[in-house]
Every structure is written in structure tokens, then in C-alpha cells.
Protein backbone atom coordinates (compact mmCIF):
# COMPACT_ATOMS: atom_id res chain seq x y z
CA UNK A 1 0.18 0.08 0.17
CA UNK A 2 1.60 3.48 -1.14
CA UNK A 3 0.22 6.98 0.54
CA UNK A 4 0.36 8.53 -3.00
CA UNK A 5 -3.32 9.42 -2.86
CA UNK A 6 -5.11 12.56 -4.21
CA UNK A 7 -3.28 15.54 -1.88
CA UNK A 8 -0.20 13.44 -0.76
CA UNK A 9 3.28 14.88 -1.65
CA UNK A 10 6.02 12.98 -2.56
CA UNK A 11 9.45 13.21 -0.73
CA UNK A 12 11.29 11.42 1.90
CA UNK A 13 9.70 10.92 5.62
CA UNK A 14 11.92 10.53 8.57
CA UNK A 15 10.85 9.19 11.62
CA UNK A 16 12.29 9.34 15.35
CA UNK A 17 11.61 6.22 17.05
CA UNK A 18 12.95 3.88 19.94
CA UNK A 19 12.04 0.60 20.53
CA UNK A 20 8.86 -1.34 20.58
CA UNK A 21 6.32 1.04 20.66
CA UNK A 22 8.37 3.27 17.69
CA UNK A 23 8.37 0.58 15.62
CA UNK A 24 5.19 -0.35 14.92
CA UNK A 25 4.32 3.05 13.60
CA UNK A 26 7.96 2.84 11.39
CA UNK A 27 6.33 -0.35 10.08
CA UNK A 28 3.07 1.56 9.06
CA UNK A 29 5.37 4.33 7.23
CA UNK A 30 6.92 1.85 5.96
CA UNK A 31 4.15 0.17 4.41
CA UNK A 32 2.45 3.42 2.95
CA UNK A 33 5.45 5.00 1.93
CA UNK A 34 7.30 3.95 -1.54
CA UNK A 35 10.47 1.97 -1.14
CA UNK A 36 13.44 4.04 0.34
CA UNK A 37 11.38 7.17 1.02
CA UNK A 38 11.03 6.58 5.18
CA UNK A 39 14.27 7.29 6.99
CA UNK A 40 14.61 6.22 10.79
CA UNK A 41 16.91 7.68 13.45
CA UNK A 42 17.22 5.03 16.28
CA UNK A 43 17.33 6.11 20.14
CA UNK A 44 21.20 4.85 21.00
CA UNK A 45 20.84 6.06 24.71
CA UNK A 46 20.29 2.27 25.35
CA UNK A 47 23.17 1.11 23.79
CA UNK A 48 25.72 -0.80 26.06
CA UNK A 49 28.45 -3.15 26.30
CA UNK A 50 27.65 -6.71 27.92
CA UNK A 51 29.25 -10.16 27.50
CA UNK A 52 32.18 -8.01 25.91
CA UNK A 53 29.47 -7.17 22.98
CA UNK A 54 28.70 -4.19 21.74
CA UNK A 55 24.63 -4.22 22.28
CA UNK A 56 21.88 -1.81 20.23
CA UNK A 57 18.44 -3.06 21.68
CA UNK A 58 16.34 0.00 19.60
CA UNK A 59 18.56 -0.50 16.42
CA UNK A 60 17.61 -4.27 16.67
CA UNK A 61 13.89 -3.89 17.29
CA UNK A 62 13.56 -1.64 14.43
CA UNK A 63 15.84 -3.88 12.04
CA UNK A 64 13.76 -7.46 13.19
CA UNK A 65 10.47 -5.23 12.68
CA UNK A 66 11.37 -4.28 9.14
CA UNK A 67 12.96 -7.35 7.98
CA UNK A 68 9.93 -9.44 9.34
CA UNK A 69 12.25 -10.91 12.01
CA UNK A 70 10.66 -9.46 15.49
CA UNK A 71 9.12 -11.95 17.66
CA UNK A 72 5.63 -10.88 17.72
CA UNK A 73 5.13 -12.37 21.26
CA UNK A 74 7.74 -11.13 23.72
CA UNK A 75 7.86 -8.01 21.29
CA UNK A 76 11.75 -7.89 21.01
CA UNK A 77 14.48 -9.74 19.97
CA UNK A 78 14.14 -12.91 17.12
CA UNK A 79 10.86 -15.11 16.59
CA UNK A 80 11.84 -18.58 16.43
CA UNK A 81 14.69 -18.31 19.33
CA UNK A 82 16.42 -20.84 20.59
CA UNK A 83 18.31 -20.82 23.84
CA UNK A 84 21.40 -22.83 24.12
CA UNK A 85 24.26 -20.17 24.95
CA UNK A 86 22.08 -18.98 27.69
CA UNK A 87 21.50 -22.19 29.14
CA UNK A 88 24.70 -23.19 28.71
CA UNK A 89 26.15 -19.64 30.16
CA UNK A 90 23.74 -20.51 33.39
CA UNK A 91 25.36 -23.85 33.99
CA UNK A 92 28.71 -21.71 33.83
CA UNK A 93 27.70 -19.63 36.70
CA UNK A 94 27.73 -16.25 33.96
CA UNK A 95 25.07 -13.54 34.05
CA UNK A 96 21.87 -14.33 32.28
CA UNK A 97 19.78 -11.00 33.89
CA UNK A 98 19.97 -9.78 30.19
CA UNK A 99 18.98 -12.30 27.35
CA UNK A 100 20.67 -13.60 24.00
CA UNK A 101 19.09 -15.82 21.93
CA UNK A 102 20.81 -17.79 19.80
CA UNK A 103 19.69 -16.24 16.45
CA UNK A 104 19.93 -12.56 18.16
CA UNK A 105 23.99 -13.12 19.39
CA UNK A 106 25.05 -13.62 15.97
CA UNK A 107 23.85 -9.91 15.02
CA UNK A 108 25.76 -8.72 18.55
CA UNK A 109 29.27 -10.97 17.54
CA UNK A 110 28.93 -9.15 14.25
CA UNK A 111 28.39 -5.62 15.21
CA UNK A 112 31.44 -6.58 18.05
CA UNK A 113 33.73 -7.43 15.15
CA UNK A 114 32.97 -4.48 12.95
CA UNK A 115 33.47 -1.68 15.53
CA UNK A 116 36.42 -3.18 16.77
CA UNK A 117 37.62 -3.49 12.74
CA UNK A 118 36.80 0.26 12.87
CA UNK A 119 33.23 0.68 10.55
CA UNK A 120 31.17 3.35 12.14
CA UNK A 121 27.42 2.26 13.65
CA UNK A 122 26.03 3.88 10.98
CA UNK A 123 27.84 1.98 8.50
CA UNK A 124 27.34 -1.55 10.02
CA UNK A 125 23.42 -0.52 10.65
CA UNK A 126 22.82 0.27 6.61
CA UNK A 127 24.95 -2.72 5.49
CA UNK A 128 22.98 -4.82 7.69
CA UNK A 129 19.67 -3.73 7.01
CA UNK A 130 20.67 -3.83 2.97
CA UNK A 131 21.64 -7.57 3.62
CA UNK A 132 18.33 -8.48 5.29
CA UNK A 133 16.39 -6.65 2.29
CA UNK A 134 15.39 -3.98 4.16
CA UNK A 135 14.50 -0.49 2.07
CA UNK A 136 13.74 1.70 4.87
CA UNK A 137 17.01 3.47 6.02
CA UNK A 138 17.85 2.96 9.58
CA UNK A 139 20.60 5.39 11.03
CA UNK A 140 21.69 5.69 14.64
CA UNK A 141 21.15 9.26 15.91
CA UNK A 142 24.73 9.34 16.35
CA UNK A 143 28.00 7.74 15.62
CA UNK A 144 29.33 9.08 19.16
CA UNK A 145 28.60 7.25 22.67
CA UNK A 146 25.66 8.27 24.36
CA UNK A 147 24.42 6.60 27.81
CA UNK A 148 21.09 7.04 29.48
CA UNK A 149 21.35 7.25 32.96
CA UNK A 150 18.69 7.08 35.90
CA UNK A 151 19.99 8.81 39.38
CA UNK A 152 17.72 6.06 42.48
CA UNK A 153 17.96 6.27 45.91
CA UNK A 154 20.73 3.83 45.21
CA UNK A 155 22.53 6.17 43.04
CA UNK A 156 23.03 6.28 39.63
CA UNK A 157 22.45 3.18 37.44
CA UNK A 158 23.21 2.42 33.86
CA UNK A 159 19.91 1.97 31.93
CA UNK A 160 19.94 -1.56 31.27
CA UNK A 161 20.41 -2.10 35.05
CA UNK A 162 18.05 0.13 35.47
CA UNK A 163 15.40 -1.39 32.89
CA UNK A 164 16.31 -5.24 32.47
CA UNK A 165 18.51 -6.08 36.13
CA UNK A 166 16.02 -4.20 38.11
CA UNK A 167 12.90 -3.91 36.11
CA UNK A 168 12.32 -0.17 36.28
CA UNK A 169 11.44 -0.82 40.21
CA UNK A 170 14.02 2.07 41.71
CA UNK A 171 12.06 4.99 42.09
CA UNK A 172 13.96 7.98 39.91
CA UNK A 173 13.87 11.44 40.60
CA UNK A 174 16.58 12.35 37.58
CA UNK A 175 17.98 11.53 33.80
CA UNK A 176 21.11 12.22 32.31
CA UNK A 177 22.38 11.80 28.69
CA UNK A 178 25.52 11.06 29.37
CA UNK A 179 27.73 11.59 26.30
CA UNK A 180 24.88 13.78 24.50
CA UNK A 181 26.80 17.29 25.52
CA UNK A 182 29.45 16.50 23.06
CA UNK A 183 27.77 14.05 20.07
CA UNK A 184 27.66 15.08 16.97
CA UNK A 185 24.41 14.07 14.71
CA UNK A 186 24.88 11.38 11.91
CA UNK A 187 25.84 14.14 8.99
CA UNK A 188 23.24 12.97 6.54
CA UNK A 189 20.54 13.35 8.92
CA UNK A 190 21.41 16.71 9.20
CA UNK A 191 21.45 17.10 5.47
CA UNK A 192 18.00 15.71 5.32
CA UNK A 193 16.68 17.96 7.92
CA UNK A 194 17.76 20.84 5.22
CA UNK A 195 16.39 18.79 2.49
CA UNK A 196 13.57 21.23 0.63
CA UNK A 197 12.05 18.37 -0.39
CA UNK A 198 11.65 16.46 2.65
CA UNK A 199 7.90 15.67 2.94
CA UNK A 200 7.53 15.27 7.30
CA UNK A 201 9.15 14.54 10.66
CA UNK A 202 7.32 11.87 12.62
CA UNK A 203 7.95 11.48 16.41
CA UNK A 204 6.71 8.28 17.03
CA UNK A 205 5.01 7.67 20.20
CA UNK A 206 8.27 6.49 22.18
CA UNK A 207 9.01 6.61 25.56
CA UNK A 208 9.42 10.30 25.91
CA UNK A 209 12.43 10.29 28.63
CA UNK A 210 14.04 7.26 27.67
CA UNK A 211 13.91 7.09 23.77
CA UNK A 212 13.32 10.15 22.19
CA UNK A 213 14.93 12.95 24.55
CA UNK A 214 18.48 10.75 24.39
CA UNK A 215 18.16 11.77 21.00
CA UNK A 216 16.85 15.51 21.63
CA UNK A 217 19.88 16.28 24.08
CA UNK A 218 22.16 16.04 21.09
CA UNK A 219 22.07 20.01 20.93
CA UNK A 220 22.82 20.03 16.95
CA UNK A 221 20.41 17.76 16.20
CA UNK A 222 17.70 19.65 18.01
CA UNK A 223 18.48 22.80 16.39
CA UNK A 224 17.93 20.93 13.10
CA UNK A 225 14.85 19.84 13.66
CA UNK A 226 13.74 23.03 15.28
CA UNK A 227 14.93 25.18 12.38
CA UNK A 228 13.41 22.26 9.60
CA UNK A 229 10.94 23.69 6.79
CA UNK A 230 8.69 19.90 7.02
CA UNK A 231 6.08 19.52 9.56
CA UNK A 232 7.27 17.87 12.67
CA UNK A 233 4.11 15.68 13.66
CA UNK A 234 4.16 13.78 17.51
CA UNK A 235 2.05 11.18 18.37
CA UNK A 236 0.99 10.36 22.57
CA UNK A 237 2.70 7.67 24.02
CA UNK A 238 -0.01 7.96 26.24
CA UNK A 239 -3.51 6.52 26.04
CA UNK A 240 -6.47 7.61 28.51
CA UNK A 241 -4.01 8.50 31.33
CA UNK A 242 -1.83 5.23 30.77
CA UNK A 243 1.17 4.07 29.31
CA UNK A 244 0.44 1.23 27.12
CA UNK A 245 4.16 -0.62 27.37
CA UNK A 246 6.79 0.30 29.86
CA UNK A 247 7.57 2.39 32.53
CA UNK A 248 6.76 5.43 31.03
CA UNK A 249 4.01 6.32 33.17
CA UNK A 250 5.99 5.63 36.59
CA UNK A 251 8.91 7.65 35.22
CA UNK A 252 6.84 10.47 34.54
CA UNK A 253 4.92 10.65 38.40
CA UNK A 254 8.70 10.25 39.86
CA UNK A 255 9.93 13.29 38.20
CA UNK A 256 6.78 15.27 38.64
CA UNK A 257 5.12 15.26 35.32
CA UNK A 258 1.51 14.82 34.61
CA UNK A 259 0.74 11.20 33.10
CA UNK A 260 -1.68 12.54 30.15
CA UNK A 261 -1.84 12.82 26.44
CA UNK A 262 -0.52 16.31 26.08
CA UNK A 263 3.06 15.34 28.25
CA UNK A 264 5.36 14.68 25.12
CA UNK A 265 3.74 18.12 23.43
CA UNK A 266 4.95 19.68 26.38
CA UNK A 267 8.74 18.13 26.68
CA UNK A 268 9.12 19.04 23.00
CA UNK A 269 8.03 22.21 23.07
CA UNK A 270 9.25 24.61 20.20
CA UNK A 271 9.52 21.64 17.82
CA UNK A 272 6.37 20.58 17.14
CA UNK A 273 3.96 21.57 14.17
CA UNK A 274 1.29 18.68 14.55
CA UNK A 275 0.17 16.62 17.38
CA UNK A 276 -1.93 13.56 17.22
CA UNK A 277 -3.61 11.99 21.00
CA UNK A 278 -5.57 9.04 20.93
CA UNK A 279 -9.73 8.89 20.89
CA UNK A 280 -10.33 8.09 23.93
CA UNK A 281 -8.36 11.37 24.83
CA UNK A 282 -10.02 14.77 24.74
CA UNK A 283 -8.27 18.04 23.64
CA UNK A 284 -10.63 20.66 25.08
CA UNK A 285 -8.97 22.70 27.51
CA UNK A 286 -5.31 21.65 25.90
CA UNK A 287 -3.60 25.33 24.89
CA UNK A 288 -1.23 23.73 21.99
CA UNK A 289 1.98 25.40 21.47
CA UNK A 290 1.56 23.28 17.90
CA UNK A 291 -0.30 24.68 14.68
CA UNK A 292 -2.47 21.50 14.95
CA UNK A 293 -3.69 18.67 17.21
CA UNK A 294 -6.03 15.92 16.62
CA UNK A 295 -7.31 12.72 17.50
CA UNK A 296 -6.50 9.54 15.89
CA UNK A 297 -6.90 5.41 16.98
CA UNK A 298 -3.33 5.29 17.80
CA UNK A 299 -3.36 1.69 19.64
CA UNK A 300 -1.05 -0.09 17.16
CA UNK A 301 -2.77 -3.91 17.43
CA UNK A 302 -2.87 -4.99 13.84
CA UNK A 303 -1.16 -4.15 10.84
CA UNK A 304 -4.07 -2.22 9.76
CA UNK A 305 -3.98 0.03 12.72
CA UNK A 306 -0.26 0.79 12.09
CA UNK A 307 -1.19 1.59 9.05
CA UNK A 308 -3.64 3.88 9.11
CA UNK A 309 -2.21 5.70 12.11
CA UNK A 310 0.93 6.14 9.62
CA UNK A 311 -1.81 7.55 6.82
CA UNK A 312 -3.09 10.00 9.70
CA UNK A 313 0.50 11.38 10.58
CA UNK A 314 1.04 11.76 7.04
CA UNK A 315 -1.92 13.36 6.11
CA UNK A 316 -1.49 16.29 8.66
CA UNK A 317 1.52 17.04 7.64
CA UNK A 318 0.83 17.72 4.21
CA UNK A 319 -2.68 19.66 5.43
CA UNK A 320 -0.43 21.65 7.04
CA UNK A 321 1.96 22.14 4.14
CA UNK A 322 -1.35 23.25 2.11
CA UNK A 323 -2.47 25.49 4.32
CA UNK A 324 0.78 27.30 5.12
CA UNK A 325 1.34 27.55 1.03
CA UNK A 326 -2.21 29.12 1.00
CA UNK A 327 -1.57 31.90 3.35
CA UNK A 328 1.73 32.15 1.76
CA UNK A 329 -0.61 32.96 -1.97
CA UNK A 330 -2.69 35.18 -0.54
CA UNK A 331 -0.24 37.84 1.07
């Protein structure tokens, strides 16, 4: 299916995404756009080194999702996975808190080997997605190291220690994106954001604190998003006052933020031109900091629902461009 009907615009689309939740909308966008039209900027704040391996969880989730390899039950890793390595590691008394399936392990081994040989994370990711026949272009936000850390009563915890080992249980009072202040965006991303043919930027309904803001903490990237001519459309990760997955709601409450449909819009203030909330949420009383707010079915529990939300995002972006053109013509 291609979103090239009457009133639609050609041109590339850039999506900002974390892992599971964002990957659903990315898949929908990939299905309604022409081959090669979609570029995805992936969070790397979750990246870490484990058992001597370089692991990029959000990039891998996007690659597995777009390559039709993702496990539909767990939501992460590869489907039809086997666990011989983890069982053998447990027998030896090794750390098994972070699960690595046998097929998934191959990707981490190859990434580690390639990075050690001098290949950048971006080049490795592009090589793998081509190898797997994925038309959508997937980029890391940066080739530099960014590591999300969370401050708790026990002190600072690395993201995976908090998220996987501790199952998000410690109370968090601050979040830091170590390395973001000196990181530089991947150069083709900045080029795309300056491209006058760019149709839209879609900020997926990923966790604002853990998936999107590690990227926005890279100041040159945030500046480029703010200054780009294409409409920037955000999708709320909160539905009816709840997060569908992960610790989004818990973290927002702990740092003193309201858990509502417009929290992400407030946090992305100055970047968004349009914002989509779920039909379960009311827009009454919200003072938008963007040009347009709309409702849509944002719960993506089927391929059809993913495509419908993707089309809604693109229609909003196209409508904003058309309105701008009309205003310009009337001046």
C-alpha cells in the first residue's frame, strides 16, 4: 500500500523512534510509503556493552521489525529463537539477567567485530539492513557514545541495569544522557533535515524520557529539527492516562510530570507543528504549542491500525504544508 493518493506529497520522511512502540508506527509508515522514502533515526541511549559485545537494542528492534524477523509475542528479539547459549552460560555461572537468543547473538557478535575493525555504527547498521533486504533506511542518532543513566536512591544506574536487571523498580528522580553534550548527529541526518523536499518528520509514540529525549539532548540535532522546513508531527505515547508499555507513566510521575496525552507535546515544545492523541483523550482545554492537534486511533494492534495511524500522520503533515502555501499565496 502506498500513500500517494490525491493531496499527498512525494519526498522523504524522517521518523524518530525508540524500540517496540515506535517500531510499530515505523512499520506502518514503511508500508504506506514508497520503497526507500522512509528514514528512521534510532535512539542509541540504550546501547551498552555486555559479555564483551556491543548491543544496540532499539536499532535491533527496528531492524527485526522491518525485516519481518521480530518476535510478535515478546516484542523484542527474533522470532523462533533458541536459547542454547543462555542455558550453557547459566550452567557456567555466568550473568543471565540480559537474555541473548542464539540467532540474536549473531548480530551482536558481528557488530562488535565490525566496530573493532573501524566500521562506524551507522555504516554497520546500513550494511545489515541492506543484507536483510530492508528498504527503509535506519540511522543511529549519532556515531558517538550516548548512555542514558537514571538517578535513584541507590545512586546512578545505567539504563539496562535499571530497565532489565532491576525491572524498573527503583524510584527515579533524575535522568541524564551521558555524552549527549559532546555528541554530533550523523551527518546525513542533518542533510536530510535541510532538504527542501523533506515531506515530514514523525516523532513516534516512544517513551519521551528514555527513547526520544536522548536524541533531542544532542543540541545540533534538536536545532536542526526546530529549524527544518518540513512539518514535525508528534504522536502521544499516553492513552487514557496510561502508557501502553514500559515505565513511561511511572517515570513521569516520579519526576513530577502529569501522566496525560499532552505530556510529550509539552516536553517537545518548540519542535512540533502537529500532534496526535488517541480518541480516548480529549483535546478540550489543551493550549497547543503547535499549529494543529488531532485525535486518532493510536493503539497499533494490527498491521491495518499501524498503517492507518501512519496515514493520519502524513495527512496532517501534508495539510499543514498546504495551509502554509495558501497563506503565502494570499499575502
